[in-house]
Amino acid sequence: MASKKAAGLILCGALALSAAQDPATTRPLVRKDLLVFGSGEIVPPIRDIFRPKAAAVASAVPRPGGPAVKPSVDIPRPEAPPAFALNISYIGSIKAGGKTIALVLRSGQTVSVGEGDEIAPGYKVVGVTAEAIIVQGPDGERRTFPRQGDRP
């Protein structure tokens, strides 16, 4: 009997609290008055951080909301293009449907690639044989990776 009275009191208290709250005084979680819609065009990024470039200095770049920014003259420029920075191990191949698929170890994970596929941004597979894989870098340099492990 006492538990029914306690449950009834709790229910009445919850109803009283919900009725006491005025919807006009409660604030929503999202303030729609601070959202800005259609404020302008989205400016394309200045550079793609996933693609290495030999020359990182650009001419005057227009920025939204201000004048064009010119880069400083004192920035040292690289003398030579960056070296072939891809570090992979060719561990084997699979022939399927007349096409050779290479199994490559990159950053501790095995990746399957075929001719024409990109191993990393800017690094494209141009040739696959059972003995080696040929990869072309972003500057056009080609490098051959021989098969690793047991060789017949």
N, C-alpha and C. Protein backbone atom coordinates (compact mmCIF):
# COMPACT_ATOMS: atom_id res chain seq x y z
N MET A 1 0.82 -1.19 0.00
CA MET A 1 0.00 0.00 0.00
C MET A 1 0.86 1.25 0.00
N ALA A 2 1.96 1.22 0.78
CA ALA A 2 2.84 2.38 0.87
C ALA A 2 3.57 2.60 -0.45
N SER A 3 3.88 1.51 -1.15
CA SER A 3 4.59 1.66 -2.42
C SER A 3 3.68 2.28 -3.49
N LYS A 4 2.39 2.01 -3.42
CA LYS A 4 1.46 2.61 -4.38
C LYS A 4 1.33 4.10 -4.14
N LYS A 5 1.35 4.50 -2.86
CA LYS A 5 1.28 5.93 -2.55
C LYS A 5 2.55 6.64 -3.00
N ALA A 6 3.71 5.99 -2.80
CA ALA A 6 4.99 6.59 -3.21
C ALA A 6 5.05 6.72 -4.72
N ALA A 7 4.58 5.72 -5.44
CA ALA A 7 4.59 5.77 -6.90
C ALA A 7 3.65 6.86 -7.39
N GLY A 8 2.51 7.01 -6.74
CA GLY A 8 1.57 8.06 -7.10
C GLY A 8 2.13 9.44 -6.85
N LEU A 9 2.84 9.63 -5.73
CA LEU A 9 3.46 10.92 -5.43
C LEU A 9 4.55 11.26 -6.44
N ILE A 10 5.33 10.29 -6.82
CA ILE A 10 6.40 10.52 -7.80
C ILE A 10 5.80 10.89 -9.15
N LEU A 11 4.74 10.20 -9.53
CA LEU A 11 4.08 10.51 -10.79
C LEU A 11 3.48 11.91 -10.78
N CYS A 12 2.84 12.28 -9.68
CA CYS A 12 2.27 13.63 -9.57
C CYS A 12 3.35 14.70 -9.61
N GLY A 13 4.48 14.42 -8.96
CA GLY A 13 5.60 15.37 -8.95
C GLY A 13 6.18 15.56 -10.34
N ALA A 14 6.33 14.48 -11.09
CA ALA A 14 6.86 14.58 -12.44
C ALA A 14 5.92 15.35 -13.35
N LEU A 15 4.61 15.11 -13.21
CA LEU A 15 3.63 15.85 -14.00
C LEU A 15 3.64 17.33 -13.65
N ALA A 16 3.79 17.64 -12.37
CA ALA A 16 3.81 19.04 -11.94
C ALA A 16 5.03 19.76 -12.49
N LEU A 17 6.18 19.09 -12.49
CA LEU A 17 7.40 19.71 -13.02
C LEU A 17 7.29 19.93 -14.52
N SER A 18 6.75 18.97 -15.25
CA SER A 18 6.63 19.14 -16.70
C SER A 18 5.62 20.22 -17.05
N ALA A 19 4.56 20.36 -16.26
CA ALA A 19 3.57 21.40 -16.52
C ALA A 19 4.12 22.78 -16.16
N ALA A 20 5.03 22.84 -15.20
CA ALA A 20 5.57 24.13 -14.75
C ALA A 20 6.53 24.72 -15.77
N GLN A 21 7.12 23.89 -16.61
CA GLN A 21 8.06 24.41 -17.61
C GLN A 21 7.31 25.02 -18.76
N ASP A 22 7.67 26.24 -19.08
CA ASP A 22 7.04 26.95 -20.19
C ASP A 22 7.88 26.69 -21.45
N PRO A 23 7.28 26.23 -22.54
CA PRO A 23 8.06 25.96 -23.75
C PRO A 23 8.74 27.21 -24.29
N ALA A 24 8.22 28.39 -23.99
CA ALA A 24 8.83 29.62 -24.48
C ALA A 24 10.12 29.94 -23.73
N THR A 25 10.25 29.48 -22.49
CA THR A 25 11.45 29.79 -21.69
C THR A 25 12.53 28.75 -21.86
N THR A 26 12.22 27.56 -22.33
CA THR A 26 13.26 26.55 -22.52
C THR A 26 14.01 26.83 -23.81
N ARG A 27 15.33 26.66 -23.77
CA ARG A 27 16.16 26.90 -24.95
C ARG A 27 16.40 25.60 -25.70
N PRO A 28 16.36 25.63 -27.02
CA PRO A 28 16.66 24.42 -27.78
C PRO A 28 18.16 24.13 -27.75
N LEU A 29 18.51 22.90 -28.07
CA LEU A 29 19.91 22.52 -28.09
C LEU A 29 20.68 23.20 -29.22
N VAL A 30 20.03 23.42 -30.36
CA VAL A 30 20.66 24.06 -31.52
C VAL A 30 20.08 25.46 -31.67
N ARG A 31 20.95 26.45 -31.70
CA ARG A 31 20.50 27.83 -31.90
C ARG A 31 20.45 28.11 -33.39
N LYS A 32 19.25 28.10 -33.94
CA LYS A 32 19.07 28.29 -35.37
C LYS A 32 19.38 29.72 -35.79
N ASP A 33 19.35 30.66 -34.86
CA ASP A 33 19.64 32.05 -35.21
C ASP A 33 21.11 32.26 -35.54
N LEU A 34 22.00 31.34 -35.11
CA LEU A 34 23.43 31.47 -35.39
C LEU A 34 23.85 30.75 -36.68
N LEU A 35 22.96 29.95 -37.26
CA LEU A 35 23.29 29.26 -38.50
C LEU A 35 23.26 30.24 -39.66
N VAL A 36 24.22 30.11 -40.56
CA VAL A 36 24.30 30.99 -41.71
C VAL A 36 24.08 30.14 -42.96
N PHE A 37 23.06 30.51 -43.73
CA PHE A 37 22.75 29.77 -44.94
C PHE A 37 23.05 30.64 -46.15
N GLY A 38 23.69 30.06 -47.15
CA GLY A 38 23.93 30.76 -48.41
C GLY A 38 24.80 31.98 -48.26
N SER A 39 25.89 31.87 -47.49
CA SER A 39 26.74 33.03 -47.26
C SER A 39 27.70 33.29 -48.41
N GLY A 40 27.80 32.42 -49.38
CA GLY A 40 28.70 32.64 -50.51
C GLY A 40 29.16 31.32 -51.10
N GLU A 41 30.07 31.43 -52.06
CA GLU A 41 30.58 30.24 -52.72
C GLU A 41 31.71 29.64 -51.90
N ILE A 42 31.85 28.34 -52.02
CA ILE A 42 32.94 27.64 -51.35
C ILE A 42 34.17 27.75 -52.23
N VAL A 43 35.26 28.23 -51.65
CA VAL A 43 36.50 28.43 -52.39
C VAL A 43 37.24 27.09 -52.45
N PRO A 44 37.76 26.70 -53.61
CA PRO A 44 38.51 25.44 -53.69
C PRO A 44 39.78 25.54 -52.83
N PRO A 45 40.26 24.40 -52.35
CA PRO A 45 41.45 24.43 -51.50
C PRO A 45 42.67 24.93 -52.26
N ILE A 46 43.60 25.52 -51.54
CA ILE A 46 44.82 26.06 -52.14
C ILE A 46 45.71 24.93 -52.66
N ARG A 47 45.81 23.84 -51.89
CA ARG A 47 46.61 22.70 -52.33
C ARG A 47 45.98 21.43 -51.80
N ASP A 48 46.30 20.31 -52.44
CA ASP A 48 45.82 19.01 -52.02
C ASP A 48 46.90 18.39 -51.14
N ILE A 49 46.60 18.21 -49.86
CA ILE A 49 47.62 17.72 -48.93
C ILE A 49 47.96 16.25 -49.16
N PHE A 50 47.18 15.55 -49.98
CA PHE A 50 47.43 14.15 -50.24
C PHE A 50 48.26 13.91 -51.49
N ARG A 51 48.59 14.96 -52.22
CA ARG A 51 49.42 14.84 -53.43
C ARG A 51 50.70 15.64 -53.23
N PRO A 52 51.86 14.97 -53.26
CA PRO A 52 53.12 15.71 -53.11
C PRO A 52 53.40 16.54 -54.35
N LYS A 53 53.98 17.70 -54.16
CA LYS A 53 54.33 18.57 -55.27
C LYS A 53 55.79 18.98 -55.14
N ALA A 54 56.44 19.18 -56.27
CA ALA A 54 57.83 19.59 -56.26
C ALA A 54 57.96 21.06 -55.86
N ALA A 55 57.09 21.92 -56.36
CA ALA A 55 57.14 23.34 -56.04
C ALA A 55 55.92 23.69 -55.20
N ALA A 56 56.15 24.07 -53.96
CA ALA A 56 55.05 24.36 -53.05
C ALA A 56 54.72 25.84 -53.02
N VAL A 57 55.42 26.67 -53.80
CA VAL A 57 55.18 28.11 -53.78
C VAL A 57 54.22 28.46 -54.91
N ALA A 58 53.16 29.16 -54.57
CA ALA A 58 52.18 29.57 -55.56
C ALA A 58 52.23 31.08 -55.72
N SER A 59 51.65 31.59 -56.81
CA SER A 59 51.58 33.02 -57.00
C SER A 59 50.49 33.58 -56.10
N ALA A 60 50.10 34.79 -56.33
CA ALA A 60 49.11 35.42 -55.47
C ALA A 60 47.84 34.59 -55.44
N VAL A 61 47.36 34.29 -54.24
CA VAL A 61 46.20 33.43 -54.06
C VAL A 61 45.06 34.27 -53.49
N PRO A 62 43.93 34.36 -54.21
CA PRO A 62 42.81 35.11 -53.65
C PRO A 62 42.16 34.35 -52.51
N ARG A 63 41.88 35.05 -51.44
CA ARG A 63 41.24 34.45 -50.27
C ARG A 63 39.90 35.13 -50.06
N PRO A 64 38.93 34.40 -49.56
CA PRO A 64 37.63 35.02 -49.34
C PRO A 64 37.71 36.07 -48.23
N GLY A 65 37.09 37.19 -48.46
CA GLY A 65 37.01 38.21 -47.43
C GLY A 65 38.23 39.09 -47.31
N GLY A 66 39.13 39.07 -48.25
CA GLY A 66 40.32 39.90 -48.14
C GLY A 66 41.06 40.00 -49.45
N PRO A 67 42.12 40.81 -49.47
CA PRO A 67 42.89 40.96 -50.71
C PRO A 67 43.74 39.73 -50.97
N ALA A 68 44.29 39.66 -52.17
CA ALA A 68 45.16 38.55 -52.54
C ALA A 68 46.42 38.58 -51.69
N VAL A 69 46.93 37.40 -51.38
CA VAL A 69 48.12 37.26 -50.54
C VAL A 69 49.27 36.82 -51.42
N LYS A 70 50.38 37.55 -51.36
CA LYS A 70 51.57 37.15 -52.12
C LYS A 70 52.53 36.43 -51.19
N PRO A 71 53.15 35.35 -51.65
CA PRO A 71 54.10 34.64 -50.80
C PRO A 71 55.37 35.46 -50.62
N SER A 72 56.05 35.18 -49.54
CA SER A 72 57.29 35.86 -49.22
C SER A 72 58.38 35.47 -50.23
N VAL A 73 59.28 36.40 -50.52
CA VAL A 73 60.36 36.14 -51.48
C VAL A 73 61.46 35.30 -50.83
N ASP A 74 61.56 35.30 -49.51
CA ASP A 74 62.64 34.62 -48.81
C ASP A 74 62.41 33.12 -48.63
N ILE A 75 61.37 32.56 -49.21
CA ILE A 75 61.09 31.13 -49.06
C ILE A 75 62.08 30.35 -49.92
N PRO A 76 62.86 29.42 -49.29
CA PRO A 76 63.80 28.63 -50.09
C PRO A 76 63.06 27.63 -50.96
N ARG A 77 63.45 27.54 -52.21
CA ARG A 77 62.83 26.61 -53.15
C ARG A 77 63.66 25.33 -53.21
N PRO A 78 63.01 24.19 -53.34
CA PRO A 78 63.77 22.95 -53.45
C PRO A 78 64.57 22.92 -54.75
N GLU A 79 65.82 22.46 -54.66
CA GLU A 79 66.69 22.41 -55.83
C GLU A 79 66.33 21.25 -56.75
N ALA A 80 65.97 20.12 -56.17
CA ALA A 80 65.63 18.94 -56.95
C ALA A 80 64.25 18.46 -56.54
N PRO A 81 63.54 17.81 -57.45
CA PRO A 81 62.23 17.27 -57.06
C PRO A 81 62.41 16.21 -55.98
N PRO A 82 61.37 15.98 -55.18
CA PRO A 82 61.50 14.99 -54.12
C PRO A 82 61.77 13.60 -54.69
N ALA A 83 62.51 12.83 -53.91
CA ALA A 83 62.87 11.48 -54.33
C ALA A 83 61.63 10.59 -54.33
N PHE A 84 61.76 9.44 -54.93
CA PHE A 84 60.68 8.45 -54.98
C PHE A 84 60.42 8.02 -53.54
N ALA A 85 59.32 8.47 -52.96
CA ALA A 85 59.08 8.30 -51.53
C ALA A 85 58.20 7.10 -51.19
N LEU A 86 57.86 6.27 -52.15
CA LEU A 86 56.98 5.13 -51.89
C LEU A 86 57.80 3.96 -51.36
N ASN A 87 57.37 3.39 -50.23
CA ASN A 87 58.07 2.27 -49.62
C ASN A 87 57.11 1.08 -49.58
N ILE A 88 57.30 0.13 -50.52
CA ILE A 88 56.45 -1.05 -50.61
C ILE A 88 57.31 -2.29 -50.77
N SER A 89 56.72 -3.45 -50.54
CA SER A 89 57.35 -4.74 -50.81
C SER A 89 56.40 -5.56 -51.66
N TYR A 90 56.90 -6.04 -52.79
CA TYR A 90 56.11 -6.88 -53.70
C TYR A 90 56.26 -8.31 -53.21
N ILE A 91 55.15 -8.92 -52.75
CA ILE A 91 55.25 -10.24 -52.13
C ILE A 91 54.71 -11.37 -52.99
N GLY A 92 54.04 -11.06 -54.10
CA GLY A 92 53.56 -12.12 -54.97
C GLY A 92 52.50 -11.63 -55.93
N SER A 93 52.01 -12.57 -56.75
CA SER A 93 51.00 -12.19 -57.74
C SER A 93 49.99 -13.31 -57.92
N ILE A 94 48.85 -12.94 -58.48
CA ILE A 94 47.77 -13.88 -58.77
C ILE A 94 47.33 -13.64 -60.21
N LYS A 95 47.19 -14.71 -60.99
CA LYS A 95 46.66 -14.57 -62.35
C LYS A 95 45.20 -14.96 -62.32
N ALA A 96 44.36 -14.02 -62.76
CA ALA A 96 42.92 -14.29 -62.78
C ALA A 96 42.33 -13.65 -64.02
N GLY A 97 41.69 -14.45 -64.85
CA GLY A 97 41.02 -13.93 -66.04
C GLY A 97 41.96 -13.27 -67.02
N GLY A 98 43.18 -13.75 -67.14
CA GLY A 98 44.14 -13.16 -68.07
C GLY A 98 44.81 -11.90 -67.55
N LYS A 99 44.52 -11.50 -66.32
CA LYS A 99 45.11 -10.31 -65.72
C LYS A 99 45.94 -10.71 -64.51
N THR A 100 47.11 -10.09 -64.35
CA THR A 100 47.96 -10.38 -63.21
C THR A 100 47.71 -9.32 -62.13
N ILE A 101 47.38 -9.80 -60.93
CA ILE A 101 47.13 -8.91 -59.79
C ILE A 101 48.30 -9.06 -58.83
N ALA A 102 48.88 -7.93 -58.43
CA ALA A 102 50.04 -7.93 -57.55
C ALA A 102 49.59 -7.81 -56.10
N LEU A 103 50.26 -8.54 -55.21
CA LEU A 103 50.05 -8.41 -53.77
C LEU A 103 51.22 -7.61 -53.22
N VAL A 104 50.91 -6.47 -52.64
CA VAL A 104 51.93 -5.52 -52.20
C VAL A 104 51.76 -5.29 -50.70
N LEU A 105 52.87 -5.25 -49.98
CA LEU A 105 52.87 -4.94 -48.55
C LEU A 105 53.21 -3.47 -48.39
N ARG A 106 52.25 -2.69 -47.85
CA ARG A 106 52.43 -1.24 -47.68
C ARG A 106 51.94 -0.86 -46.30
N SER A 107 52.79 -0.27 -45.50
CA SER A 107 52.45 0.16 -44.14
C SER A 107 51.90 -0.98 -43.30
N GLY A 108 52.44 -2.18 -43.47
CA GLY A 108 52.02 -3.33 -42.68
C GLY A 108 50.75 -4.00 -43.15
N GLN A 109 50.15 -3.53 -44.25
CA GLN A 109 48.92 -4.13 -44.76
C GLN A 109 49.14 -4.63 -46.18
N THR A 110 48.51 -5.76 -46.50
CA THR A 110 48.60 -6.32 -47.84
C THR A 110 47.52 -5.70 -48.71
N VAL A 111 47.94 -5.18 -49.86
CA VAL A 111 47.03 -4.51 -50.79
C VAL A 111 47.15 -5.22 -52.14
N SER A 112 46.02 -5.46 -52.80
CA SER A 112 46.06 -6.06 -54.14
C SER A 112 45.84 -4.96 -55.17
N VAL A 113 46.77 -4.87 -56.14
CA VAL A 113 46.69 -3.85 -57.18
C VAL A 113 46.94 -4.48 -58.53
N GLY A 114 46.38 -3.85 -59.55
CA GLY A 114 46.59 -4.30 -60.92
C GLY A 114 47.19 -3.17 -61.73
N GLU A 115 47.47 -3.45 -62.98
CA GLU A 115 48.04 -2.44 -63.86
C GLU A 115 47.04 -1.30 -64.03
N GLY A 116 47.49 -0.06 -63.81
CA GLY A 116 46.64 1.12 -63.91
C GLY A 116 46.10 1.59 -62.58
N ASP A 117 46.24 0.79 -61.51
CA ASP A 117 45.74 1.19 -60.19
C ASP A 117 46.73 2.11 -59.49
N GLU A 118 46.21 2.91 -58.54
CA GLU A 118 47.05 3.78 -57.73
C GLU A 118 47.32 3.11 -56.40
N ILE A 119 48.61 2.98 -56.06
CA ILE A 119 48.98 2.41 -54.76
C ILE A 119 48.84 3.48 -53.68
N ALA A 120 49.30 4.66 -53.98
CA ALA A 120 49.21 5.82 -53.09
C ALA A 120 48.92 7.02 -54.00
N PRO A 121 48.44 8.14 -53.43
CA PRO A 121 48.17 9.30 -54.28
C PRO A 121 49.40 9.71 -55.08
N GLY A 122 49.29 9.66 -56.40
CA GLY A 122 50.37 10.05 -57.29
C GLY A 122 51.25 8.90 -57.75
N TYR A 123 51.11 7.72 -57.16
CA TYR A 123 51.94 6.56 -57.51
C TYR A 123 51.06 5.51 -58.19
N LYS A 124 51.32 5.28 -59.50
CA LYS A 124 50.48 4.42 -60.32
C LYS A 124 51.26 3.19 -60.78
N VAL A 125 50.61 2.03 -60.77
CA VAL A 125 51.22 0.79 -61.24
C VAL A 125 51.14 0.79 -62.76
N VAL A 126 52.31 0.65 -63.42
CA VAL A 126 52.33 0.65 -64.88
C VAL A 126 52.65 -0.73 -65.45
N GLY A 127 53.14 -1.65 -64.62
CA GLY A 127 53.44 -2.98 -65.10
C GLY A 127 53.48 -4.00 -63.98
N VAL A 128 52.94 -5.20 -64.23
CA VAL A 128 52.94 -6.27 -63.24
C VAL A 128 53.35 -7.55 -63.93
N THR A 129 54.39 -8.20 -63.40
CA THR A 129 54.78 -9.54 -63.84
C THR A 129 54.91 -10.41 -62.60
N ALA A 130 55.19 -11.68 -62.79
CA ALA A 130 55.36 -12.58 -61.65
C ALA A 130 56.64 -12.26 -60.89
N GLU A 131 57.61 -11.63 -61.55
CA GLU A 131 58.90 -11.36 -60.92
C GLU A 131 59.03 -9.94 -60.34
N ALA A 132 58.30 -8.96 -60.89
CA ALA A 132 58.48 -7.58 -60.44
C ALA A 132 57.23 -6.75 -60.72
N ILE A 133 57.18 -5.60 -60.07
CA ILE A 133 56.11 -4.63 -60.29
C ILE A 133 56.78 -3.30 -60.60
N ILE A 134 56.24 -2.56 -61.59
CA ILE A 134 56.81 -1.27 -61.99
C ILE A 134 55.81 -0.19 -61.58
N VAL A 135 56.30 0.81 -60.82
CA VAL A 135 55.46 1.88 -60.31
C VAL A 135 56.00 3.21 -60.84
N GLN A 136 55.08 4.07 -61.30
CA GLN A 136 55.45 5.40 -61.78
C GLN A 136 55.07 6.43 -60.72
N GLY A 137 56.04 7.31 -60.37
CA GLY A 137 55.81 8.33 -59.36
C GLY A 137 55.13 9.56 -59.91
N PRO A 138 54.86 10.55 -59.05
CA PRO A 138 54.15 11.76 -59.49
C PRO A 138 54.96 12.61 -60.47
N ASP A 139 56.28 12.48 -60.46
CA ASP A 139 57.10 13.26 -61.38
C ASP A 139 57.47 12.48 -62.64
N GLY A 140 56.87 11.31 -62.85
CA GLY A 140 57.12 10.52 -64.05
C GLY A 140 58.23 9.49 -63.89
N GLU A 141 58.93 9.50 -62.77
CA GLU A 141 60.01 8.55 -62.54
C GLU A 141 59.42 7.16 -62.31
N ARG A 142 60.04 6.15 -62.93
CA ARG A 142 59.59 4.77 -62.77
C ARG A 142 60.58 4.01 -61.90
N ARG A 143 60.02 3.12 -61.06
CA ARG A 143 60.86 2.31 -60.19
C ARG A 143 60.33 0.88 -60.21
N THR A 144 61.25 -0.09 -60.27
CA THR A 144 60.89 -1.50 -60.30
C THR A 144 61.12 -2.11 -58.93
N PHE A 145 60.11 -2.82 -58.43
CA PHE A 145 60.18 -3.49 -57.15
C PHE A 145 60.19 -4.99 -57.42
N PRO A 146 61.33 -5.70 -57.18
CA PRO A 146 61.36 -7.14 -57.42
C PRO A 146 60.57 -7.88 -56.34
N ARG A 147 60.12 -9.11 -56.66
CA ARG A 147 59.36 -9.91 -55.70
C ARG A 147 60.26 -10.27 -54.53
N GLN A 148 59.72 -10.15 -53.32
CA GLN A 148 60.44 -10.45 -52.10
C GLN A 148 60.12 -11.88 -51.64
N GLY A 149 60.94 -12.42 -50.75
CA GLY A 149 60.66 -13.72 -50.18
C GLY A 149 61.34 -14.84 -50.93
N ASP A 150 60.77 -16.06 -50.85
CA ASP A 150 61.34 -17.22 -51.50
C ASP A 150 61.27 -17.07 -53.01
N ARG A 151 62.42 -17.27 -53.63
CA ARG A 151 62.48 -17.17 -55.11
C ARG A 151 62.85 -18.53 -55.67
N PRO A 152 62.17 -18.96 -56.73
CA PRO A 152 62.47 -20.30 -57.31
C PRO A 152 63.82 -20.34 -58.00
